[in-house]
Amino acid sequence: MASFEESLKRLEKIVEQMERGDLPLEDSIKLFEEGTRLSAECKDHLEQAEGKVQILMKQRDGSVKAEPFPPQK
């Protein structure tokens, strides 16, 4: 899986290409499929980051300690 930043950058390029409206239908469908996959990857990255932040916020003694956060699928 690519990093969040890489996935988001590619997703932005796909949106730009599709917004131009000059692609053949088959190419538009392929880009839409890739964009859907990338969108899901970005969502996964954000959910993992949110989970890590929640774990950090739950430290009761005031210390900040990162704990592993299993990916949600």
PDB file of N, CA and C in Angstrom:
ATOM      1  N   MET A   1       0.844  -1.176   0.000  1.00  0.00           N
ATOM      2  CA  MET A   1       0.000   0.000   0.000  1.00  0.00           C
ATOM      3  C   MET A   1       0.891   1.241   0.000  1.00  0.00           C
ATOM      4  N   ALA A   2       0.552   2.180  -0.836  1.00  0.00           N
ATOM      5  CA  ALA A   2       1.302   3.423  -0.926  1.00  0.00           C
ATOM      6  C   ALA A   2       1.018   4.287   0.305  1.00  0.00           C
ATOM      7  N   SER A   3       1.855   5.292   0.516  1.00  0.00           N
ATOM      8  CA  SER A   3       1.613   6.201   1.633  1.00  0.00           C
ATOM      9  C   SER A   3       0.356   7.020   1.362  1.00  0.00           C
ATOM     10  N   PHE A   4      -0.174   7.617   2.411  1.00  0.00           N
ATOM     11  CA  PHE A   4      -1.359   8.462   2.273  1.00  0.00           C
ATOM     12  C   PHE A   4      -1.110   9.567   1.253  1.00  0.00           C
ATOM     13  N   GLU A   5       0.029  10.211   1.365  1.00  0.00           N
ATOM     14  CA  GLU A   5       0.342  11.331   0.485  1.00  0.00           C
ATOM     15  C   GLU A   5       0.428  10.897  -0.975  1.00  0.00           C
ATOM     16  N   GLU A   6       1.045   9.736  -1.216  1.00  0.00           N
ATOM     17  CA  GLU A   6       1.158   9.227  -2.586  1.00  0.00           C
ATOM     18  C   GLU A   6      -0.224   8.880  -3.158  1.00  0.00           C
ATOM     19  N   SER A   7      -1.034   8.216  -2.349  1.00  0.00           N
ATOM     20  CA  SER A   7      -2.379   7.842  -2.803  1.00  0.00           C
ATOM     21  C   SER A   7      -3.220   9.083  -3.091  1.00  0.00           C
ATOM     22  N   LEU A   8      -3.141  10.064  -2.211  1.00  0.00           N
ATOM     23  CA  LEU A   8      -3.920  11.282  -2.393  1.00  0.00           C
ATOM     24  C   LEU A   8      -3.479  12.050  -3.639  1.00  0.00           C
ATOM     25  N   LYS A   9      -2.185  12.121  -3.859  1.00  0.00           N
ATOM     26  CA  LYS A   9      -1.665  12.830  -5.040  1.00  0.00           C
ATOM     27  C   LYS A   9      -2.154  12.155  -6.331  1.00  0.00           C
ATOM     28  N   ARG A  10      -2.090  10.826  -6.376  1.00  0.00           N
ATOM     29  CA  ARG A  10      -2.563  10.091  -7.558  1.00  0.00           C
ATOM     30  C   ARG A  10      -4.061  10.283  -7.735  1.00  0.00           C
ATOM     31  N   LEU A  11      -4.799  10.248  -6.641  1.00  0.00           N
ATOM     32  CA  LEU A  11      -6.248  10.453  -6.699  1.00  0.00           C
ATOM     33  C   LEU A  11      -6.575  11.841  -7.255  1.00  0.00           C
ATOM     34  N   GLU A  12      -5.838  12.847  -6.839  1.00  0.00           N
ATOM     35  CA  GLU A  12      -6.051  14.202  -7.364  1.00  0.00           C
ATOM     36  C   GLU A  12      -5.801  14.258  -8.873  1.00  0.00           C
ATOM     37  N   LYS A  13      -4.767  13.560  -9.347  1.00  0.00           N
ATOM     38  CA  LYS A  13      -4.475  13.533 -10.787  1.00  0.00           C
ATOM     39  C   LYS A  13      -5.600  12.847 -11.560  1.00  0.00           C
ATOM     40  N   ILE A  14      -6.133  11.777 -10.977  1.00  0.00           N
ATOM     41  CA  ILE A  14      -7.241  11.071 -11.626  1.00  0.00           C
ATOM     42  C   ILE A  14      -8.449  11.983 -11.741  1.00  0.00           C
ATOM     43  N   VAL A  15      -8.761  12.698 -10.681  1.00  0.00           N
ATOM     44  CA  VAL A  15      -9.908  13.618 -10.697  1.00  0.00           C
ATOM     45  C   VAL A  15      -9.707  14.687 -11.771  1.00  0.00           C
ATOM     46  N   GLU A  16      -8.508  15.237 -11.863  1.00  0.00           N
ATOM     47  CA  GLU A  16      -8.221  16.247 -12.891  1.00  0.00           C
ATOM     48  C   GLU A  16      -8.456  15.686 -14.294  1.00  0.00           C
ATOM     49  N   GLN A  17      -7.949  14.465 -14.527  1.00  0.00           N
ATOM     50  CA  GLN A  17      -8.114  13.847 -15.847  1.00  0.00           C
ATOM     51  C   GLN A  17      -9.590  13.630 -16.160  1.00  0.00           C
ATOM     52  N   MET A  18     -10.330  13.150 -15.205  1.00  0.00           N
ATOM     53  CA  MET A  18     -11.740  12.842 -15.450  1.00  0.00           C
ATOM     54  C   MET A  18     -12.572  14.114 -15.606  1.00  0.00           C
ATOM     55  N   GLU A  19     -12.208  15.170 -14.895  1.00  0.00           N
ATOM     56  CA  GLU A  19     -12.954  16.419 -14.996  1.00  0.00           C
ATOM     57  C   GLU A  19     -12.802  17.077 -16.358  1.00  0.00           C
ATOM     58  N   ARG A  20     -11.694  16.794 -17.039  1.00  0.00           N
ATOM     59  CA  ARG A  20     -11.506  17.364 -18.381  1.00  0.00           C
ATOM     60  C   ARG A  20     -12.584  16.853 -19.336  1.00  0.00           C
ATOM     61  N   GLY A  21     -13.023  15.618 -19.123  1.00  0.00           N
ATOM     62  CA  GLY A  21     -14.095  15.060 -19.934  1.00  0.00           C
ATOM     63  C   GLY A  21     -13.709  14.643 -21.336  1.00  0.00           C
ATOM     64  N   ASP A  22     -12.417  14.494 -21.606  1.00  0.00           N
ATOM     65  CA  ASP A  22     -11.988  14.151 -22.963  1.00  0.00           C
ATOM     66  C   ASP A  22     -11.460  12.714 -23.086  1.00  0.00           C
ATOM     67  N   LEU A  23     -11.713  11.891 -22.087  1.00  0.00           N
ATOM     68  CA  LEU A  23     -11.233  10.520 -22.113  1.00  0.00           C
ATOM     69  C   LEU A  23     -12.262   9.589 -22.734  1.00  0.00           C
ATOM     70  N   PRO A  24     -11.801   8.563 -23.421  1.00  0.00           N
ATOM     71  CA  PRO A  24     -12.731   7.537 -23.897  1.00  0.00           C
ATOM     72  C   PRO A  24     -13.381   6.847 -22.693  1.00  0.00           C
ATOM     73  N   LEU A  25     -14.551   6.304 -22.902  1.00  0.00           N
ATOM     74  CA  LEU A  25     -15.314   5.672 -21.830  1.00  0.00           C
ATOM     75  C   LEU A  25     -14.498   4.601 -21.107  1.00  0.00           C
ATOM     76  N   GLU A  26     -13.823   3.743 -21.860  1.00  0.00           N
ATOM     77  CA  GLU A  26     -13.045   2.659 -21.249  1.00  0.00           C
ATOM     78  C   GLU A  26     -11.963   3.205 -20.320  1.00  0.00           C
ATOM     79  N   ASP A  27     -11.271   4.257 -20.735  1.00  0.00           N
ATOM     80  CA  ASP A  27     -10.247   4.875 -19.892  1.00  0.00           C
ATOM     81  C   ASP A  27     -10.873   5.508 -18.656  1.00  0.00           C
ATOM     82  N   SER A  28     -12.016   6.131 -18.814  1.00  0.00           N
ATOM     83  CA  SER A  28     -12.709   6.734 -17.673  1.00  0.00           C
ATOM     84  C   SER A  28     -13.098   5.684 -16.650  1.00  0.00           C
ATOM     85  N   ILE A  29     -13.552   4.542 -17.123  1.00  0.00           N
ATOM     86  CA  ILE A  29     -13.938   3.454 -16.215  1.00  0.00           C
ATOM     87  C   ILE A  29     -12.721   2.936 -15.454  1.00  0.00           C
ATOM     88  N   LYS A  30     -11.598   2.757 -16.150  1.00  0.00           N
ATOM     89  CA  LYS A  30     -10.372   2.290 -15.495  1.00  0.00           C
ATOM     90  C   LYS A  30      -9.903   3.288 -14.437  1.00  0.00           C
ATOM     91  N   LEU A  31      -9.942   4.576 -14.779  1.00  0.00           N
ATOM     92  CA  LEU A  31      -9.532   5.597 -13.821  1.00  0.00           C
ATOM     93  C   LEU A  31     -10.491   5.647 -12.635  1.00  0.00           C
ATOM     94  N   PHE A  32     -11.776   5.479 -12.897  1.00  0.00           N
ATOM     95  CA  PHE A  32     -12.759   5.473 -11.822  1.00  0.00           C
ATOM     96  C   PHE A  32     -12.488   4.314 -10.863  1.00  0.00           C
ATOM     97  N   GLU A  33     -12.192   3.134 -11.407  1.00  0.00           N
ATOM     98  CA  GLU A  33     -11.873   1.970 -10.575  1.00  0.00           C
ATOM     99  C   GLU A  33     -10.628   2.226  -9.730  1.00  0.00           C
ATOM    100  N   GLU A  34      -9.595   2.791 -10.348  1.00  0.00           N
ATOM    101  CA  GLU A  34      -8.370   3.095  -9.605  1.00  0.00           C
ATOM    102  C   GLU A  34      -8.648   4.145  -8.536  1.00  0.00           C
ATOM    103  N   GLY A  35      -9.428   5.152  -8.880  1.00  0.00           N
ATOM    104  CA  GLY A  35      -9.771   6.204  -7.921  1.00  0.00           C
ATOM    105  C   GLY A  35     -10.551   5.668  -6.741  1.00  0.00           C
ATOM    106  N   THR A  36     -11.448   4.732  -6.992  1.00  0.00           N
ATOM    107  CA  THR A  36     -12.222   4.124  -5.917  1.00  0.00           C
ATOM    108  C   THR A  36     -11.297   3.355  -4.968  1.00  0.00           C
ATOM    109  N   ARG A  37     -10.350   2.620  -5.546  1.00  0.00           N
ATOM    110  CA  ARG A  37      -9.379   1.873  -4.723  1.00  0.00           C
ATOM    111  C   ARG A  37      -8.517   2.828  -3.898  1.00  0.00           C
ATOM    112  N   LEU A  38      -8.039   3.888  -4.536  1.00  0.00           N
ATOM    113  CA  LEU A  38      -7.205   4.863  -3.844  1.00  0.00           C
ATOM    114  C   LEU A  38      -7.970   5.573  -2.733  1.00  0.00           C
ATOM    115  N   SER A  39      -9.223   5.878  -2.990  1.00  0.00           N
ATOM    116  CA  SER A  39     -10.061   6.511  -1.978  1.00  0.00           C
ATOM    117  C   SER A  39     -10.184   5.615  -0.748  1.00  0.00           C
ATOM    118  N   ALA A  40     -10.361   4.326  -0.969  1.00  0.00           N
ATOM    119  CA  ALA A  40     -10.454   3.377   0.146  1.00  0.00           C
ATOM    120  C   ALA A  40      -9.125   3.305   0.902  1.00  0.00           C
ATOM    121  N   GLU A  41      -8.009   3.331   0.174  1.00  0.00           N
ATOM    122  CA  GLU A  41      -6.695   3.319   0.824  1.00  0.00           C
ATOM    123  C   GLU A  41      -6.509   4.559   1.696  1.00  0.00           C
ATOM    124  N   CYS A  42      -6.893   5.721   1.179  1.00  0.00           N
ATOM    125  CA  CYS A  42      -6.771   6.961   1.949  1.00  0.00           C
ATOM    126  C   CYS A  42      -7.630   6.890   3.210  1.00  0.00           C
ATOM    127  N   LYS A  43      -8.818   6.354   3.069  1.00  0.00           N
ATOM    128  CA  LYS A  43      -9.711   6.204   4.218  1.00  0.00           C
ATOM    129  C   LYS A  43      -9.074   5.298   5.263  1.00  0.00           C
ATOM    130  N   ASP A  44      -8.466   4.197   4.834  1.00  0.00           N
ATOM    131  CA  ASP A  44      -7.791   3.289   5.759  1.00  0.00           C
ATOM    132  C   ASP A  44      -6.651   3.994   6.503  1.00  0.00           C
ATOM    133  N   HIS A  45      -5.853   4.760   5.758  1.00  0.00           N
ATOM    134  CA  HIS A  45      -4.754   5.507   6.374  1.00  0.00           C
ATOM    135  C   HIS A  45      -5.289   6.462   7.443  1.00  0.00           C
ATOM    136  N   LEU A  46      -6.352   7.181   7.116  1.00  0.00           N
ATOM    137  CA  LEU A  46      -6.912   8.143   8.062  1.00  0.00           C
ATOM    138  C   LEU A  46      -7.497   7.455   9.294  1.00  0.00           C
ATOM    139  N   GLU A  47      -8.154   6.319   9.103  1.00  0.00           N
ATOM    140  CA  GLU A  47      -8.706   5.581  10.241  1.00  0.00           C
ATOM    141  C   GLU A  47      -7.597   5.072  11.151  1.00  0.00           C
ATOM    142  N   GLN A  48      -6.501   4.615  10.566  1.00  0.00           N
ATOM    143  CA  GLN A  48      -5.373   4.153  11.374  1.00  0.00           C
ATOM    144  C   GLN A  48      -4.766   5.308  12.164  1.00  0.00           C
ATOM    145  N   ALA A  49      -4.616   6.453  11.518  1.00  0.00           N
ATOM    146  CA  ALA A  49      -4.067   7.624  12.204  1.00  0.00           C
ATOM    147  C   ALA A  49      -4.996   8.059  13.336  1.00  0.00           C
ATOM    148  N   GLU A  50      -6.281   8.060  13.088  1.00  0.00           N
ATOM    149  CA  GLU A  50      -7.248   8.429  14.124  1.00  0.00           C
ATOM    150  C   GLU A  50      -7.155   7.466  15.306  1.00  0.00           C
ATOM    151  N   GLY A  51      -7.026   6.180  15.023  1.00  0.00           N
ATOM    152  CA  GLY A  51      -6.895   5.197  16.091  1.00  0.00           C
ATOM    153  C   GLY A  51      -5.652   5.420  16.932  1.00  0.00           C
ATOM    154  N   LYS A  52      -4.543   5.751  16.294  1.00  0.00           N
ATOM    155  CA  LYS A  52      -3.300   6.019  17.020  1.00  0.00           C
ATOM    156  C   LYS A  52      -3.456   7.242  17.913  1.00  0.00           C
ATOM    157  N   VAL A  53      -4.108   8.275  17.388  1.00  0.00           N
ATOM    158  CA  VAL A  53      -4.330   9.487  18.184  1.00  0.00           C
ATOM    159  C   VAL A  53      -5.209   9.167  19.383  1.00  0.00           C
ATOM    160  N   GLN A  54      -6.243   8.373  19.183  1.00  0.00           N
ATOM    161  CA  GLN A  54      -7.120   8.000  20.290  1.00  0.00           C
ATOM    162  C   GLN A  54      -6.357   7.229  21.362  1.00  0.00           C
ATOM    163  N   ILE A  55      -5.468   6.330  20.946  1.00  0.00           N
ATOM    164  CA  ILE A  55      -4.658   5.590  21.912  1.00  0.00           C
ATOM    165  C   ILE A  55      -3.773   6.549  22.696  1.00  0.00           C
ATOM    166  N   LEU A  56      -3.155   7.488  22.007  1.00  0.00           N
ATOM    167  CA  LEU A  56      -2.291   8.461  22.682  1.00  0.00           C
ATOM    168  C   LEU A  56      -3.082   9.327  23.664  1.00  0.00           C
ATOM    169  N   MET A  57      -4.278   9.696  23.296  1.00  0.00           N
ATOM    170  CA  MET A  57      -5.100  10.557  24.147  1.00  0.00           C
ATOM    171  C   MET A  57      -5.572   9.830  25.402  1.00  0.00           C
ATOM    172  N   LYS A  58      -5.585   8.512  25.385  1.00  0.00           N
ATOM    173  CA  LYS A  58      -6.102   7.738  26.506  1.00  0.00           C
ATOM    174  C   LYS A  58      -5.071   7.496  27.599  1.00  0.00           C
ATOM    175  N   GLN A  59      -3.858   7.951  27.447  1.00  0.00           N
ATOM    176  CA  GLN A  59      -2.848   7.764  28.477  1.00  0.00           C
ATOM    177  C   GLN A  59      -3.268   8.546  29.724  1.00  0.00           C
ATOM    178  N   ARG A  60      -3.457   7.851  30.811  1.00  0.00           N
ATOM    179  CA  ARG A  60      -4.009   8.468  32.019  1.00  0.00           C
ATOM    180  C   ARG A  60      -2.967   9.166  32.876  1.00  0.00           C
ATOM    181  N   ASP A  61      -1.738   8.759  32.801  1.00  0.00           N
ATOM    182  CA  ASP A  61      -0.725   9.341  33.671  1.00  0.00           C
ATOM    183  C   ASP A  61      -0.065  10.575  33.064  1.00  0.00           C
ATOM    184  N   GLY A  62      -0.604  11.040  31.947  1.00  0.00           N
ATOM    185  CA  GLY A  62      -0.068  12.234  31.307  1.00  0.00           C
ATOM    186  C   GLY A  62       1.063  11.958  30.342  1.00  0.00           C
ATOM    187  N   SER A  63       1.579  10.740  30.341  1.00  0.00           N
ATOM    188  CA  SER A  63       2.657  10.419  29.408  1.00  0.00           C
ATOM    189  C   SER A  63       2.079  10.131  28.032  1.00  0.00           C
ATOM    190  N   VAL A  64       2.912  10.288  27.057  1.00  0.00           N
ATOM    191  CA  VAL A  64       2.512   9.996  25.685  1.00  0.00           C
ATOM    192  C   VAL A  64       3.279   8.760  25.245  1.00  0.00           C
ATOM    193  N   LYS A  65       2.532   7.720  24.938  1.00  0.00           N
ATOM    194  CA  LYS A  65       3.158   6.462  24.533  1.00  0.00           C
ATOM    195  C   LYS A  65       2.369   5.892  23.369  1.00  0.00           C
ATOM    196  N   ALA A  66       3.039   5.708  22.261  1.00  0.00           N
ATOM    197  CA  ALA A  66       2.378   5.118  21.091  1.00  0.00           C
ATOM    198  C   ALA A  66       2.269   3.624  21.290  1.00  0.00           C
ATOM    199  N   GLU A  67       1.130   3.070  20.912  1.00  0.00           N
ATOM    200  CA  GLU A  67       0.908   1.645  20.956  1.00  0.00           C
ATOM    201  C   GLU A  67       0.532   1.195  19.545  1.00  0.00           C
ATOM    202  N   PRO A  68       0.859  -0.045  19.188  1.00  0.00           N
ATOM    203  CA  PRO A  68       0.488  -0.536  17.866  1.00  0.00           C
ATOM    204  C   PRO A  68      -1.035  -0.493  17.689  1.00  0.00           C
ATOM    205  N   PHE A  69      -1.442  -0.151  16.526  1.00  0.00           N
ATOM    206  CA  PHE A  69      -2.860  -0.085  16.205  1.00  0.00           C
ATOM    207  C   PHE A  69      -3.112  -0.981  15.014  1.00  0.00           C
ATOM    208  N   PRO A  70      -3.834  -2.072  15.189  1.00  0.00           N
ATOM    209  CA  PRO A  70      -4.054  -2.978  14.058  1.00  0.00           C
ATOM    210  C   PRO A  70      -4.947  -2.342  12.994  1.00  0.00           C
ATOM    211  N   PRO A  71      -4.615  -2.530  11.728  1.00  0.00           N
ATOM    212  CA  PRO A  71      -5.430  -1.963  10.661  1.00  0.00           C
ATOM    213  C   PRO A  71      -6.848  -2.536  10.697  1.00  0.00           C
ATOM    214  N   GLN A  72      -7.811  -1.681  10.405  1.00  0.00           N
ATOM    215  CA  GLN A  72      -9.203  -2.125  10.341  1.00  0.00           C
ATOM    216  C   GLN A  72      -9.540  -2.471   8.925  1.00  0.00           C
ATOM    217  N   LYS A  73     -10.077  -3.626   8.715  1.00  0.00           N
ATOM    218  CA  LYS A  73     -10.473  -4.042   7.366  1.00  0.00           C
ATOM    219  C   LYS A  73     -11.858  -4.586   7.395  1.00  0.00           C
TER     220      LYS A  73
END
